[in-house]
Amino acid sequence: MHVYEETGIAEAMRCVMLNDRLLGVGVKEARMEILGGMMPKDDTFRRANLERAYELGRSF
């Protein structure tokens, strides 16, 4: 989600989620991909997000 990148939210999320919670306790490698557009009762982005998550999981 480019809005998160532009506003600095993505970097803040990475800092907390990756650096503090994973890399800070011994995990050797961590990445974060922000998948957006998910809203209750709206499946517009659901399929694309699931496919992207699947591919990211296979390549990690």
PDB file of N, CA and C in Angstrom:
ATOM      1  N   MET A   1       0.847  -1.173   0.000  1.00  0.00           N
ATOM      2  CA  MET A   1       0.000   0.000   0.000  1.00  0.00           C
ATOM      3  C   MET A   1       0.892   1.235   0.000  1.00  0.00           C
ATOM      4  N   HIS A   2       0.875   1.947  -1.081  1.00  0.00           N
ATOM      5  CA  HIS A   2       1.772   3.090  -1.216  1.00  0.00           C
ATOM      6  C   HIS A   2       1.482   4.196  -0.215  1.00  0.00           C
ATOM      7  N   VAL A   3       0.245   4.327   0.249  1.00  0.00           N
ATOM      8  CA  VAL A   3      -0.090   5.363   1.225  1.00  0.00           C
ATOM      9  C   VAL A   3       0.699   5.144   2.505  1.00  0.00           C
ATOM     10  N   TYR A   4       0.822   3.890   2.915  1.00  0.00           N
ATOM     11  CA  TYR A   4       1.577   3.582   4.126  1.00  0.00           C
ATOM     12  C   TYR A   4       3.057   3.898   3.950  1.00  0.00           C
ATOM     13  N   GLU A   5       3.580   3.660   2.769  1.00  0.00           N
ATOM     14  CA  GLU A   5       4.983   3.978   2.497  1.00  0.00           C
ATOM     15  C   GLU A   5       5.192   5.492   2.504  1.00  0.00           C
ATOM     16  N   GLU A   6       4.294   6.220   1.862  1.00  0.00           N
ATOM     17  CA  GLU A   6       4.425   7.670   1.749  1.00  0.00           C
ATOM     18  C   GLU A   6       4.320   8.377   3.091  1.00  0.00           C
ATOM     19  N   THR A   7       3.497   7.871   3.983  1.00  0.00           N
ATOM     20  CA  THR A   7       3.263   8.535   5.268  1.00  0.00           C
ATOM     21  C   THR A   7       4.207   8.076   6.371  1.00  0.00           C
ATOM     22  N   GLY A   8       5.000   7.033   6.097  1.00  0.00           N
ATOM     23  CA  GLY A   8       5.919   6.525   7.103  1.00  0.00           C
ATOM     24  C   GLY A   8       5.322   5.451   7.995  1.00  0.00           C
ATOM     25  N   ILE A   9       4.056   5.142   7.793  1.00  0.00           N
ATOM     26  CA  ILE A   9       3.405   4.114   8.610  1.00  0.00           C
ATOM     27  C   ILE A   9       4.046   2.752   8.376  1.00  0.00           C
ATOM     28  N   ALA A  10       4.365   2.438   7.138  1.00  0.00           N
ATOM     29  CA  ALA A  10       4.974   1.134   6.825  1.00  0.00           C
ATOM     30  C   ALA A  10       6.312   0.975   7.545  1.00  0.00           C
ATOM     31  N   GLU A  11       7.118   2.008   7.554  1.00  0.00           N
ATOM     32  CA  GLU A  11       8.408   1.939   8.233  1.00  0.00           C
ATOM     33  C   GLU A  11       8.229   1.756   9.737  1.00  0.00           C
ATOM     34  N   ALA A  12       7.251   2.434  10.311  1.00  0.00           N
ATOM     35  CA  ALA A  12       6.966   2.276  11.737  1.00  0.00           C
ATOM     36  C   ALA A  12       6.508   0.849  12.044  1.00  0.00           C
ATOM     37  N   MET A  13       5.662   0.304  11.170  1.00  0.00           N
ATOM     38  CA  MET A  13       5.197  -1.069  11.356  1.00  0.00           C
ATOM     39  C   MET A  13       6.361  -2.051  11.271  1.00  0.00           C
ATOM     40  N   ARG A  14       7.232  -1.852  10.319  1.00  0.00           N
ATOM     41  CA  ARG A  14       8.405  -2.730  10.179  1.00  0.00           C
ATOM     42  C   ARG A  14       9.301  -2.649  11.419  1.00  0.00           C
ATOM     43  N   CYS A  15       9.493  -1.440  11.909  1.00  0.00           N
ATOM     44  CA  CYS A  15      10.341  -1.251  13.074  1.00  0.00           C
ATOM     45  C   CYS A  15       9.803  -2.049  14.260  1.00  0.00           C
ATOM     46  N   VAL A  16       8.534  -1.929  14.529  1.00  0.00           N
ATOM     47  CA  VAL A  16       7.952  -2.625  15.679  1.00  0.00           C
ATOM     48  C   VAL A  16       7.818  -4.117  15.418  1.00  0.00           C
ATOM     49  N   MET A  17       7.173  -4.472  14.316  1.00  0.00           N
ATOM     50  CA  MET A  17       6.866  -5.876  14.058  1.00  0.00           C
ATOM     51  C   MET A  17       8.111  -6.706  13.751  1.00  0.00           C
ATOM     52  N   LEU A  18       9.001  -6.171  12.954  1.00  0.00           N
ATOM     53  CA  LEU A  18      10.179  -6.941  12.561  1.00  0.00           C
ATOM     54  C   LEU A  18      11.338  -6.763  13.535  1.00  0.00           C
ATOM     55  N   ASN A  19      11.774  -5.536  13.720  1.00  0.00           N
ATOM     56  CA  ASN A  19      12.955  -5.299  14.537  1.00  0.00           C
ATOM     57  C   ASN A  19      12.733  -5.655  16.006  1.00  0.00           C
ATOM     58  N   ASP A  20      11.660  -5.159  16.591  1.00  0.00           N
ATOM     59  CA  ASP A  20      11.424  -5.402  18.014  1.00  0.00           C
ATOM     60  C   ASP A  20      10.932  -6.814  18.291  1.00  0.00           C
ATOM     61  N   ARG A  21       9.978  -7.294  17.515  1.00  0.00           N
ATOM     62  CA  ARG A  21       9.315  -8.561  17.829  1.00  0.00           C
ATOM     63  C   ARG A  21      10.008  -9.798  17.266  1.00  0.00           C
ATOM     64  N   LEU A  22      10.709  -9.667  16.161  1.00  0.00           N
ATOM     65  CA  LEU A  22      11.329 -10.848  15.546  1.00  0.00           C
ATOM     66  C   LEU A  22      12.848 -10.787  15.570  1.00  0.00           C
ATOM     67  N   LEU A  23      13.406  -9.819  14.881  1.00  0.00           N
ATOM     68  CA  LEU A  23      14.864  -9.744  14.773  1.00  0.00           C
ATOM     69  C   LEU A  23      15.514  -9.456  16.127  1.00  0.00           C
ATOM     70  N   GLY A  24      14.794  -8.762  16.978  1.00  0.00           N
ATOM     71  CA  GLY A  24      15.326  -8.428  18.289  1.00  0.00           C
ATOM     72  C   GLY A  24      15.387  -9.595  19.263  1.00  0.00           C
ATOM     73  N   VAL A  25      14.771 -10.707  18.900  1.00  0.00           N
ATOM     74  CA  VAL A  25      14.780 -11.867  19.804  1.00  0.00           C
ATOM     75  C   VAL A  25      15.443 -13.083  19.164  1.00  0.00           C
ATOM     76  N   GLY A  26      16.206 -12.853  18.104  1.00  0.00           N
ATOM     77  CA  GLY A  26      16.995 -13.936  17.549  1.00  0.00           C
ATOM     78  C   GLY A  26      16.558 -14.509  16.217  1.00  0.00           C
ATOM     79  N   VAL A  27      15.441 -14.079  15.690  1.00  0.00           N
ATOM     80  CA  VAL A  27      15.044 -14.549  14.355  1.00  0.00           C
ATOM     81  C   VAL A  27      16.077 -14.018  13.364  1.00  0.00           C
ATOM     82  N   LYS A  28      16.571 -14.885  12.493  1.00  0.00           N
ATOM     83  CA  LYS A  28      17.676 -14.524  11.588  1.00  0.00           C
ATOM     84  C   LYS A  28      17.249 -13.628  10.420  1.00  0.00           C
ATOM     85  N   GLU A  29      16.059 -13.856   9.894  1.00  0.00           N
ATOM     86  CA  GLU A  29      15.596 -13.099   8.725  1.00  0.00           C
ATOM     87  C   GLU A  29      14.093 -12.878   8.834  1.00  0.00           C
ATOM     88  N   ALA A  30      13.661 -11.659   8.523  1.00  0.00           N
ATOM     89  CA  ALA A  30      12.231 -11.353   8.566  1.00  0.00           C
ATOM     90  C   ALA A  30      11.912 -10.299   7.511  1.00  0.00           C
ATOM     91  N   ARG A  31      10.784 -10.461   6.893  1.00  0.00           N
ATOM     92  CA  ARG A  31      10.296  -9.494   5.908  1.00  0.00           C
ATOM     93  C   ARG A  31       8.831  -9.223   6.187  1.00  0.00           C
ATOM     94  N   MET A  32       8.353  -8.089   5.734  1.00  0.00           N
ATOM     95  CA  MET A  32       6.944  -7.769   5.899  1.00  0.00           C
ATOM     96  C   MET A  32       6.410  -7.199   4.594  1.00  0.00           C
ATOM     97  N   GLU A  33       5.316  -7.730   4.169  1.00  0.00           N
ATOM     98  CA  GLU A  33       4.609  -7.247   2.980  1.00  0.00           C
ATOM     99  C   GLU A  33       3.244  -6.786   3.452  1.00  0.00           C
ATOM    100  N   ILE A  34       2.898  -5.551   3.166  1.00  0.00           N
ATOM    101  CA  ILE A  34       1.603  -5.029   3.579  1.00  0.00           C
ATOM    102  C   ILE A  34       0.606  -5.281   2.456  1.00  0.00           C
ATOM    103  N   LEU A  35      -0.396  -6.057   2.763  1.00  0.00           N
ATOM    104  CA  LEU A  35      -1.467  -6.345   1.816  1.00  0.00           C
ATOM    105  C   LEU A  35      -2.686  -5.554   2.249  1.00  0.00           C
ATOM    106  N   GLY A  36      -3.180  -4.700   1.398  1.00  0.00           N
ATOM    107  CA  GLY A  36      -4.256  -3.812   1.802  1.00  0.00           C
ATOM    108  C   GLY A  36      -5.576  -4.104   1.113  1.00  0.00           C
ATOM    109  N   GLY A  37      -6.547  -3.324   1.488  1.00  0.00           N
ATOM    110  CA  GLY A  37      -7.847  -3.398   0.852  1.00  0.00           C
ATOM    111  C   GLY A  37      -8.831  -4.340   1.502  1.00  0.00           C
ATOM    112  N   MET A  38      -8.425  -5.004   2.571  1.00  0.00           N
ATOM    113  CA  MET A  38      -9.313  -5.969   3.205  1.00  0.00           C
ATOM    114  C   MET A  38     -10.306  -5.246   4.106  1.00  0.00           C
ATOM    115  N   MET A  39     -11.565  -5.435   3.821  1.00  0.00           N
ATOM    116  CA  MET A  39     -12.639  -4.835   4.607  1.00  0.00           C
ATOM    117  C   MET A  39     -13.687  -5.904   4.895  1.00  0.00           C
ATOM    118  N   PRO A  40     -14.315  -5.831   6.050  1.00  0.00           N
ATOM    119  CA  PRO A  40     -15.390  -6.795   6.331  1.00  0.00           C
ATOM    120  C   PRO A  40     -16.479  -6.712   5.257  1.00  0.00           C
ATOM    121  N   LYS A  41     -16.963  -7.834   4.841  1.00  0.00           N
ATOM    122  CA  LYS A  41     -18.058  -7.943   3.860  1.00  0.00           C
ATOM    123  C   LYS A  41     -17.699  -7.396   2.482  1.00  0.00           C
ATOM    124  N   ASP A  42     -16.408  -7.289   2.194  1.00  0.00           N
ATOM    125  CA  ASP A  42     -15.971  -6.829   0.872  1.00  0.00           C
ATOM    126  C   ASP A  42     -14.798  -7.701   0.442  1.00  0.00           C
ATOM    127  N   ASP A  43     -15.012  -8.593  -0.500  1.00  0.00           N
ATOM    128  CA  ASP A  43     -13.983  -9.529  -0.949  1.00  0.00           C
ATOM    129  C   ASP A  43     -13.203  -9.048  -2.171  1.00  0.00           C
ATOM    130  N   THR A  44     -13.274  -7.762  -2.475  1.00  0.00           N
ATOM    131  CA  THR A  44     -12.641  -7.220  -3.670  1.00  0.00           C
ATOM    132  C   THR A  44     -11.165  -7.602  -3.783  1.00  0.00           C
ATOM    133  N   PHE A  45     -10.407  -7.495  -2.713  1.00  0.00           N
ATOM    134  CA  PHE A  45      -8.969  -7.739  -2.741  1.00  0.00           C
ATOM    135  C   PHE A  45      -8.584  -9.085  -2.152  1.00  0.00           C
ATOM    136  N   ARG A  46      -9.547  -9.833  -1.662  1.00  0.00           N
ATOM    137  CA  ARG A  46      -9.269 -11.072  -0.946  1.00  0.00           C
ATOM    138  C   ARG A  46      -8.464 -12.062  -1.789  1.00  0.00           C
ATOM    139  N   ARG A  47      -8.910 -12.373  -2.966  1.00  0.00           N
ATOM    140  CA  ARG A  47      -8.236 -13.359  -3.819  1.00  0.00           C
ATOM    141  C   ARG A  47      -6.813 -12.917  -4.146  1.00  0.00           C
ATOM    142  N   ALA A  48      -6.636 -11.667  -4.553  1.00  0.00           N
ATOM    143  CA  ALA A  48      -5.302 -11.169  -4.907  1.00  0.00           C
ATOM    144  C   ALA A  48      -4.367 -11.209  -3.697  1.00  0.00           C
ATOM    145  N   ASN A  49      -4.869 -10.844  -2.527  1.00  0.00           N
ATOM    146  CA  ASN A  49      -4.048 -10.877  -1.319  1.00  0.00           C
ATOM    147  C   ASN A  49      -3.664 -12.301  -0.938  1.00  0.00           C
ATOM    148  N   LEU A  50      -4.595 -13.234  -1.056  1.00  0.00           N
ATOM    149  CA  LEU A  50      -4.291 -14.625  -0.746  1.00  0.00           C
ATOM    150  C   LEU A  50      -3.252 -15.188  -1.715  1.00  0.00           C
ATOM    151  N   GLU A  51      -3.379 -14.874  -2.992  1.00  0.00           N
ATOM    152  CA  GLU A  51      -2.410 -15.341  -3.979  1.00  0.00           C
ATOM    153  C   GLU A  51      -1.029 -14.740  -3.719  1.00  0.00           C
ATOM    154  N   ARG A  52      -0.990 -13.460  -3.388  1.00  0.00           N
ATOM    155  CA  ARG A  52       0.285 -12.793  -3.097  1.00  0.00           C
ATOM    156  C   ARG A  52       0.930 -13.404  -1.838  1.00  0.00           C
ATOM    157  N   ALA A  53       0.136 -13.617  -0.808  1.00  0.00           N
ATOM    158  CA  ALA A  53       0.644 -14.213   0.426  1.00  0.00           C
ATOM    159  C   ALA A  53       1.183 -15.625   0.163  1.00  0.00           C
ATOM    160  N   TYR A  54       0.485 -16.382  -0.655  1.00  0.00           N
ATOM    161  CA  TYR A  54       0.933 -17.734  -0.999  1.00  0.00           C
ATOM    162  C   TYR A  54       2.286 -17.700  -1.701  1.00  0.00           C
ATOM    163  N   GLU A  55       2.416 -16.820  -2.684  1.00  0.00           N
ATOM    164  CA  GLU A  55       3.674 -16.707  -3.423  1.00  0.00           C
ATOM    165  C   GLU A  55       4.806 -16.224  -2.526  1.00  0.00           C
ATOM    166  N   LEU A  56       4.522 -15.276  -1.669  1.00  0.00           N
ATOM    167  CA  LEU A  56       5.552 -14.796  -0.744  1.00  0.00           C
ATOM    168  C   LEU A  56       6.002 -15.905   0.195  1.00  0.00           C
ATOM    169  N   GLY A  57       5.056 -16.703   0.668  1.00  0.00           N
ATOM    170  CA  GLY A  57       5.386 -17.807   1.546  1.00  0.00           C
ATOM    171  C   GLY A  57       6.243 -18.857   0.863  1.00  0.00           C
ATOM    172  N   ARG A  58       5.949 -19.133  -0.379  1.00  0.00           N
ATOM    173  CA  ARG A  58       6.725 -20.131  -1.125  1.00  0.00           C
ATOM    174  C   ARG A  58       8.149 -19.642  -1.400  1.00  0.00           C
ATOM    175  N   SER A  59       8.321 -18.357  -1.597  1.00  0.00           N
ATOM    176  CA  SER A  59       9.645 -17.836  -1.941  1.00  0.00           C
ATOM    177  C   SER A  59      10.492 -17.455  -0.727  1.00  0.00           C
ATOM    178  N   PHE A  60       9.909 -17.435   0.435  1.00  0.00           N
ATOM    179  CA  PHE A  60      10.645 -16.998   1.628  1.00  0.00           C
ATOM    180  C   PHE A  60      11.547 -18.044   2.148  1.00  0.00           C
TER     181      PHE A  60
END
